PDB file of N, CA and C in Angstrom:
ATOM      1  N   MET A   1       2.508 156.251 -63.068  1.00  0.00           N
ATOM      2  CA  MET A   1       1.326 155.552 -63.416  1.00  0.00           C
ATOM      3  C   MET A   1       1.677 154.084 -63.979  1.00  0.00           C
ATOM      4  N   VAL A   2       0.876 153.101 -63.683  1.00  0.00           N
ATOM      5  CA  VAL A   2       1.409 151.841 -63.945  1.00  0.00           C
ATOM      6  C   VAL A   2       0.816 151.293 -65.407  1.00  0.00           C
ATOM      7  N   ASP A   3       1.759 150.771 -66.134  1.00  0.00           N
ATOM      8  CA  ASP A   3       1.457 150.292 -67.460  1.00  0.00           C
ATOM      9  C   ASP A   3       0.911 149.057 -67.276  1.00  0.00           C
ATOM     10  N   VAL A   4      -0.328 148.710 -67.390  1.00  0.00           N
ATOM     11  CA  VAL A   4      -1.083 147.457 -67.304  1.00  0.00           C
ATOM     12  C   VAL A   4      -0.590 146.453 -68.383  1.00  0.00           C
ATOM     13  N   SER A   5      -0.207 146.787 -69.570  1.00  0.00           N
ATOM     14  CA  SER A   5       0.003 145.970 -70.547  1.00  0.00           C
ATOM     15  C   SER A   5       1.284 145.395 -70.349  1.00  0.00           C
ATOM     16  N   GLN A   6       2.054 145.733 -69.515  1.00  0.00           N
ATOM     17  CA  GLN A   6       3.399 145.207 -69.145  1.00  0.00           C
ATOM     18  C   GLN A   6       3.344 144.164 -67.926  1.00  0.00           C
ATOM     19  N   HIS A   7       2.122 144.153 -67.377  1.00  0.00           N
ATOM     20  CA  HIS A   7       2.100 143.224 -66.237  1.00  0.00           C
ATOM     21  C   HIS A   7       2.286 141.808 -66.581  1.00  0.00           C
ATOM     22  N   GLU A   8       2.898 141.021 -65.711  1.00  0.00           N
ATOM     23  CA  GLU A   8       3.216 139.515 -65.972  1.00  0.00           C
ATOM     24  C   GLU A   8       1.932 138.731 -66.060  1.00  0.00           C
ATOM     25  N   LEU A   9       0.818 139.134 -65.684  1.00  0.00           N
ATOM     26  CA  LEU A   9      -0.452 138.407 -65.806  1.00  0.00           C
ATOM     27  C   LEU A   9      -1.185 138.664 -67.097  1.00  0.00           C
ATOM     28  N   VAL A  10      -0.808 139.758 -67.795  1.00  0.00           N
ATOM     29  CA  VAL A  10      -1.518 140.166 -69.032  1.00  0.00           C
ATOM     30  C   VAL A  10      -0.893 139.374 -70.124  1.00  0.00           C
ATOM     31  N   PRO A  11      -1.633 138.653 -70.818  1.00  0.00           N
ATOM     32  CA  PRO A  11      -1.125 137.874 -72.084  1.00  0.00           C
ATOM     33  C   PRO A  11      -0.552 138.842 -73.173  1.00  0.00           C
ATOM     34  N   GLU A  12       0.332 138.351 -74.040  1.00  0.00           N
ATOM     35  CA  GLU A  12       0.875 138.964 -75.121  1.00  0.00           C
ATOM     36  C   GLU A  12      -0.192 139.278 -76.236  1.00  0.00           C
ATOM     37  N   HIS A  13      -0.285 140.778 -76.526  1.00  0.00           N
ATOM     38  CA  HIS A  13      -1.354 141.106 -77.378  1.00  0.00           C
ATOM     39  C   HIS A  13      -0.517 141.830 -78.639  1.00  0.00           C
ATOM     40  N   THR A  14      -0.701 141.317 -79.775  1.00  0.00           N
ATOM     41  CA  THR A  14      -0.073 141.967 -80.950  1.00  0.00           C
ATOM     42  C   THR A  14      -1.062 142.222 -82.162  1.00  0.00           C
ATOM     43  N   ILE A  15      -0.720 143.109 -82.909  1.00  0.00           N
ATOM     44  CA  ILE A  15      -1.609 143.375 -84.081  1.00  0.00           C
ATOM     45  C   ILE A  15      -1.247 142.616 -85.230  1.00  0.00           C
ATOM     46  N   LEU A  16      -2.211 141.933 -85.879  1.00  0.00           N
ATOM     47  CA  LEU A  16      -1.804 141.125 -86.835  1.00  0.00           C
ATOM     48  C   LEU A  16      -1.646 141.903 -88.273  1.00  0.00           C
ATOM     49  N   ASP A  17      -0.856 141.426 -88.964  1.00  0.00           N
ATOM     50  CA  ASP A  17      -0.465 141.799 -90.366  1.00  0.00           C
ATOM     51  C   ASP A  17      -1.669 141.444 -91.282  1.00  0.00           C
ATOM     52  N   GLU A  18      -2.022 142.306 -92.221  1.00  0.00           N
ATOM     53  CA  GLU A  18      -3.198 141.933 -92.915  1.00  0.00           C
ATOM     54  C   GLU A  18      -3.014 140.584 -93.877  1.00  0.00           C
ATOM     55  N   THR A  19      -1.832 140.387 -94.339  1.00  0.00           N
ATOM     56  CA  THR A  19      -1.653 139.020 -95.072  1.00  0.00           C
ATOM     57  C   THR A  19      -1.754 137.781 -94.054  1.00  0.00           C
ATOM     58  N   VAL A  20      -1.342 137.943 -92.816  1.00  0.00           N
ATOM     59  CA  VAL A  20      -1.542 136.865 -91.701  1.00  0.00           C
ATOM     60  C   VAL A  20      -2.975 136.811 -91.398  1.00  0.00           C
ATOM     61  N   LEU A  21      -3.492 137.927 -91.248  1.00  0.00           N
ATOM     62  CA  LEU A  21      -4.972 137.939 -91.174  1.00  0.00           C
ATOM     63  C   LEU A  21      -5.894 137.231 -91.964  1.00  0.00           C
ATOM     64  N   GLU A  22      -5.665 137.481 -93.262  1.00  0.00           N
ATOM     65  CA  GLU A  22      -6.116 136.677 -94.464  1.00  0.00           C
ATOM     66  C   GLU A  22      -6.114 135.308 -94.148  1.00  0.00           C
ATOM     67  N   ASP A  23      -5.010 134.715 -93.815  1.00  0.00           N
ATOM     68  CA  ASP A  23      -4.680 133.330 -93.704  1.00  0.00           C
ATOM     69  C   ASP A  23      -5.565 132.770 -92.559  1.00  0.00           C
ATOM     70  N   VAL A  24      -5.567 133.564 -91.418  1.00  0.00           N
ATOM     71  CA  VAL A  24      -6.437 133.040 -90.204  1.00  0.00           C
ATOM     72  C   VAL A  24      -7.801 133.061 -90.641  1.00  0.00           C
ATOM     73  N   LEU A  25      -8.440 134.074 -91.329  1.00  0.00           N
ATOM     74  CA  LEU A  25      -9.687 134.169 -91.605  1.00  0.00           C
ATOM     75  C   LEU A  25     -10.061 132.916 -92.592  1.00  0.00           C
ATOM     76  N   ASP A  26      -9.263 132.757 -93.617  1.00  0.00           N
ATOM     77  CA  ASP A  26      -9.476 131.555 -94.594  1.00  0.00           C
ATOM     78  C   ASP A  26      -9.390 130.119 -93.722  1.00  0.00           C
ATOM     79  N   GLU A  27      -8.572 130.157 -92.739  1.00  0.00           N
ATOM     80  CA  GLU A  27      -8.342 128.823 -92.035  1.00  0.00           C
ATOM     81  C   GLU A  27      -9.634 128.652 -91.399  1.00  0.00           C
ATOM     82  N   TYR A  28     -10.270 129.473 -90.622  1.00  0.00           N
ATOM     83  CA  TYR A  28     -11.504 129.391 -89.954  1.00  0.00           C
ATOM     84  C   TYR A  28     -12.799 129.637 -90.769  1.00  0.00           C
ATOM     85  N   ASP A  29     -12.742 129.957 -91.943  1.00  0.00           N
ATOM     86  CA  ASP A  29     -13.837 130.362 -92.924  1.00  0.00           C
ATOM     87  C   ASP A  29     -14.642 131.243 -92.275  1.00  0.00           C
ATOM     88  N   ILE A  30     -14.068 132.406 -91.954  1.00  0.00           N
ATOM     89  CA  ILE A  30     -15.017 133.446 -91.224  1.00  0.00           C
ATOM     90  C   ILE A  30     -14.677 134.840 -91.696  1.00  0.00           C
ATOM     91  N   ASP A  31     -15.515 136.014 -91.347  1.00  0.00           N
ATOM     92  CA  ASP A  31     -15.109 137.181 -91.674  1.00  0.00           C
ATOM     93  C   ASP A  31     -14.581 137.949 -90.493  1.00  0.00           C
ATOM     94  N   ARG A  32     -13.978 139.069 -90.762  1.00  0.00           N
ATOM     95  CA  ARG A  32     -13.334 139.710 -89.760  1.00  0.00           C
ATOM     96  C   ARG A  32     -14.401 140.152 -88.679  1.00  0.00           C
ATOM     97  N   THR A  33     -15.652 140.442 -89.112  1.00  0.00           N
ATOM     98  CA  THR A  33     -16.710 140.911 -88.059  1.00  0.00           C
ATOM     99  C   THR A  33     -17.122 139.815 -87.276  1.00  0.00           C
ATOM    100  N   ASP A  34     -16.939 138.554 -87.745  1.00  0.00           N
ATOM    101  CA  ASP A  34     -17.227 137.320 -86.879  1.00  0.00           C
ATOM    102  C   ASP A  34     -16.403 137.090 -85.675  1.00  0.00           C
ATOM    103  N   LEU A  35     -15.262 137.699 -85.652  1.00  0.00           N
ATOM    104  CA  LEU A  35     -14.474 137.421 -84.347  1.00  0.00           C
ATOM    105  C   LEU A  35     -14.973 138.127 -83.111  1.00  0.00           C
ATOM    106  N   PRO A  36     -14.702 137.655 -82.150  1.00  0.00           N
ATOM    107  CA  PRO A  36     -14.930 138.259 -80.787  1.00  0.00           C
ATOM    108  C   PRO A  36     -14.316 139.714 -80.659  1.00  0.00           C
ATOM    109  N   LYS A  37     -15.003 140.617 -79.979  1.00  0.00           N
ATOM    110  CA  LYS A  37     -14.625 142.034 -80.030  1.00  0.00           C
ATOM    111  C   LYS A  37     -13.736 142.317 -78.788  1.00  0.00           C
ATOM    112  N   ILE A  38     -12.944 143.324 -78.894  1.00  0.00           N
ATOM    113  CA  ILE A  38     -12.305 143.862 -77.759  1.00  0.00           C
ATOM    114  C   ILE A  38     -12.321 145.575 -77.842  1.00  0.00           C
ATOM    115  N   LYS A  39     -12.469 146.170 -76.809  1.00  0.00           N
ATOM    116  CA  LYS A  39     -12.620 147.661 -76.976  1.00  0.00           C
ATOM    117  C   LYS A  39     -11.400 148.213 -77.129  1.00  0.00           C
ATOM    118  N   ARG A  40     -11.310 149.538 -77.741  1.00  0.00           N
ATOM    119  CA  ARG A  40     -10.029 150.159 -78.026  1.00  0.00           C
ATOM    120  C   ARG A  40      -9.504 150.836 -76.755  1.00  0.00           C
ATOM    121  N   THR A  41     -10.497 150.826 -75.753  1.00  0.00           N
ATOM    122  CA  THR A  41     -10.000 151.479 -74.521  1.00  0.00           C
ATOM    123  C   THR A  41      -9.380 150.374 -73.637  1.00  0.00           C
ATOM    124  N   ASP A  42      -9.436 149.234 -73.843  1.00  0.00           N
ATOM    125  CA  ASP A  42      -8.710 148.148 -73.143  1.00  0.00           C
ATOM    126  C   ASP A  42      -7.170 148.445 -72.877  1.00  0.00           C
ATOM    127  N   LYS A  43      -6.766 148.462 -71.750  1.00  0.00           N
ATOM    128  CA  LYS A  43      -5.532 148.855 -71.348  1.00  0.00           C
ATOM    129  C   LYS A  43      -4.426 147.857 -71.791  1.00  0.00           C
ATOM    130  N   ALA A  44      -4.902 146.646 -72.139  1.00  0.00           N
ATOM    131  CA  ALA A  44      -3.885 145.660 -72.498  1.00  0.00           C
ATOM    132  C   ALA A  44      -3.425 145.625 -74.052  1.00  0.00           C
ATOM    133  N   LEU A  45      -4.245 146.499 -74.852  1.00  0.00           N
ATOM    134  CA  LEU A  45      -3.967 146.659 -76.133  1.00  0.00           C
ATOM    135  C   LEU A  45      -2.686 147.400 -76.401  1.00  0.00           C
ATOM    136  N   PRO A  46      -2.004 147.192 -77.535  1.00  0.00           N
ATOM    137  CA  PRO A  46      -0.856 148.007 -77.888  1.00  0.00           C
ATOM    138  C   PRO A  46      -1.338 149.378 -78.164  1.00  0.00           C
ATOM    139  N   ASP A  47      -0.499 150.393 -77.917  1.00  0.00           N
ATOM    140  CA  ASP A  47      -0.733 151.902 -78.008  1.00  0.00           C
ATOM    141  C   ASP A  47      -1.217 151.985 -79.527  1.00  0.00           C
ATOM    142  N   ASP A  48      -0.628 151.287 -80.542  1.00  0.00           N
ATOM    143  CA  ASP A  48      -0.921 151.942 -81.841  1.00  0.00           C
ATOM    144  C   ASP A  48      -2.050 151.013 -82.460  1.00  0.00           C
ATOM    145  N   ALA A  49      -2.699 150.240 -81.723  1.00  0.00           N
ATOM    146  CA  ALA A  49      -3.864 149.598 -82.283  1.00  0.00           C
ATOM    147  C   ALA A  49      -5.113 150.409 -82.524  1.00  0.00           C
ATOM    148  N   GLU A  50      -5.717 150.369 -83.778  1.00  0.00           N
ATOM    149  CA  GLU A  50      -6.813 151.189 -83.995  1.00  0.00           C
ATOM    150  C   GLU A  50      -8.011 150.519 -84.150  1.00  0.00           C
ATOM    151  N   VAL A  51      -9.309 151.101 -84.474  1.00  0.00           N
ATOM    152  CA  VAL A  51     -10.565 150.429 -84.527  1.00  0.00           C
ATOM    153  C   VAL A  51     -10.372 149.727 -85.925  1.00  0.00           C
ATOM    154  N   GLY A  52     -10.710 148.467 -86.049  1.00  0.00           N
ATOM    155  CA  GLY A  52     -10.872 147.720 -87.178  1.00  0.00           C
ATOM    156  C   GLY A  52      -9.499 146.678 -87.311  1.00  0.00           C
ATOM    157  N   ASP A  53      -8.492 146.943 -86.389  1.00  0.00           N
ATOM    158  CA  ASP A  53      -7.394 146.003 -86.345  1.00  0.00           C
ATOM    159  C   ASP A  53      -7.737 144.733 -85.595  1.00  0.00           C
ATOM    160  N   VAL A  54      -6.990 143.594 -86.079  1.00  0.00           N
ATOM    161  CA  VAL A  54      -7.402 142.421 -85.311  1.00  0.00           C
ATOM    162  C   VAL A  54      -6.078 142.017 -84.352  1.00  0.00           C
ATOM    163  N   ILE A  55      -6.388 141.782 -83.131  1.00  0.00           N
ATOM    164  CA  ILE A  55      -5.279 141.483 -82.189  1.00  0.00           C
ATOM    165  C   ILE A  55      -5.186 140.024 -81.987  1.00  0.00           C
ATOM    166  N   LYS A  56      -3.993 139.516 -81.917  1.00  0.00           N
ATOM    167  CA  LYS A  56      -3.672 138.104 -81.646  1.00  0.00           C
ATOM    168  C   LYS A  56      -3.088 138.135 -80.198  1.00  0.00           C
ATOM    169  N   ILE A  57      -3.886 137.172 -79.428  1.00  0.00           N
ATOM    170  CA  ILE A  57      -3.548 137.163 -77.969  1.00  0.00           C
ATOM    171  C   ILE A  57      -3.101 135.759 -77.774  1.00  0.00           C
ATOM    172  N   VAL A  58      -1.925 135.633 -77.036  1.00  0.00           N
ATOM    173  CA  VAL A  58      -1.348 134.365 -76.632  1.00  0.00           C
ATOM    174  C   VAL A  58      -1.235 134.203 -75.191  1.00  0.00           C
ATOM    175  N   ARG A  59      -1.996 133.355 -74.854  1.00  0.00           N
ATOM    176  CA  ARG A  59      -2.142 132.979 -73.313  1.00  0.00           C
ATOM    177  C   ARG A  59      -1.567 131.757 -72.957  1.00  0.00           C
ATOM    178  N   ASN A  60      -1.155 131.657 -71.772  1.00  0.00           N
ATOM    179  CA  ASN A  60      -0.646 130.302 -71.415  1.00  0.00           C
ATOM    180  C   ASN A  60      -1.598 129.438 -71.151  1.00  0.00           C
ATOM    181  N   SER A  61      -1.518 128.108 -71.219  1.00  0.00           N
ATOM    182  CA  SER A  61      -2.622 127.083 -71.158  1.00  0.00           C
ATOM    183  C   SER A  61      -1.907 125.866 -70.495  1.00  0.00           C
ATOM    184  N   ARG A  62      -2.759 125.319 -69.392  1.00  0.00           N
ATOM    185  CA  ARG A  62      -2.152 124.086 -68.855  1.00  0.00           C
ATOM    186  C   ARG A  62      -2.310 122.731 -69.877  1.00  0.00           C
ATOM    187  N   THR A  63      -3.207 122.900 -70.660  1.00  0.00           N
ATOM    188  CA  THR A  63      -3.456 121.660 -71.548  1.00  0.00           C
ATOM    189  C   THR A  63      -2.711 121.870 -72.883  1.00  0.00           C
ATOM    190  N   THR A  64      -2.423 122.964 -73.440  1.00  0.00           N
ATOM    191  CA  THR A  64      -1.952 123.041 -74.823  1.00  0.00           C
ATOM    192  C   THR A  64      -0.572 123.939 -74.814  1.00  0.00           C
ATOM    193  N   ASP A  65      -0.098 124.310 -73.602  1.00  0.00           N
ATOM    194  CA  ASP A  65       1.079 125.268 -73.507  1.00  0.00           C
ATOM    195  C   ASP A  65       0.789 126.663 -73.796  1.00  0.00           C
ATOM    196  N   GLN A  66       0.201 126.928 -74.917  1.00  0.00           N
ATOM    197  CA  GLN A  66      -0.352 128.160 -75.365  1.00  0.00           C
ATOM    198  C   GLN A  66      -1.586 128.153 -76.075  1.00  0.00           C
ATOM    199  N   ALA A  67      -2.492 129.071 -75.709  1.00  0.00           N
ATOM    200  CA  ALA A  67      -3.762 129.295 -76.496  1.00  0.00           C
ATOM    201  C   ALA A  67      -3.782 130.611 -77.203  1.00  0.00           C
ATOM    202  N   VAL A  68      -4.020 130.433 -78.523  1.00  0.00           N
ATOM    203  CA  VAL A  68      -4.011 131.669 -79.220  1.00  0.00           C
ATOM    204  C   VAL A  68      -5.410 132.136 -79.770  1.00  0.00           C
ATOM    205  N   VAL A  69      -5.868 133.277 -79.383  1.00  0.00           N
ATOM    206  CA  VAL A  69      -7.310 133.862 -79.658  1.00  0.00           C
ATOM    207  C   VAL A  69      -7.002 135.111 -80.488  1.00  0.00           C
ATOM    208  N   TYR A  70      -8.177 135.468 -81.260  1.00  0.00           N
ATOM    209  CA  TYR A  70      -8.037 136.639 -81.841  1.00  0.00           C
ATOM    210  C   TYR A  70      -9.282 137.557 -81.620  1.00  0.00           C
ATOM    211  N   ARG A  71      -9.024 138.927 -81.597  1.00  0.00           N
ATOM    212  CA  ARG A  71     -10.020 139.854 -81.332  1.00  0.00           C
ATOM    213  C   ARG A  71     -10.082 140.890 -82.233  1.00  0.00           C
ATOM    214  N   LEU A  72     -11.211 141.558 -82.608  1.00  0.00           N
ATOM    215  CA  LEU A  72     -11.429 142.680 -83.432  1.00  0.00           C
ATOM    216  C   LEU A  72     -11.472 143.771 -82.488  1.00  0.00           C
ATOM    217  N   VAL A  73     -10.705 144.821 -82.865  1.00  0.00           N
ATOM    218  CA  VAL A  73     -10.859 146.145 -81.962  1.00  0.00           C
ATOM    219  C   VAL A  73     -11.863 146.827 -82.410  1.00  0.00           C
ATOM    220  N   VAL A  74     -12.868 147.266 -81.505  1.00  0.00           N
ATOM    221  CA  VAL A  74     -13.961 148.162 -81.869  1.00  0.00           C
ATOM    222  C   VAL A  74     -13.935 149.386 -80.853  1.00  0.00           C
ATOM    223  N   GLU A  75     -14.924 150.337 -81.208  1.00  0.00           N
ATOM    224  CA  GLU A  75     -14.831 151.539 -80.548  1.00  0.00           C
ATOM    225  C   GLU A  75     -15.510 151.307 -79.218  1.00  0.00           C
TER     226      GLU A  75
END
């Protein structure tokens, strides 16, 4: 079976530590629930991601070299 999360076109997905998450939420002046959502069943998520975790996704970008986005894991 193919591990989709390891495919070269899938951007890096990492679970944010709670202390880092608080800094991100403060920087954007938002709550965790204001973040865009990603389903727990998404194959790109790390295996240990749980509902309620926030995922940092780093994508390649032609204009900024890297684009960082955050997603809240939901059922």
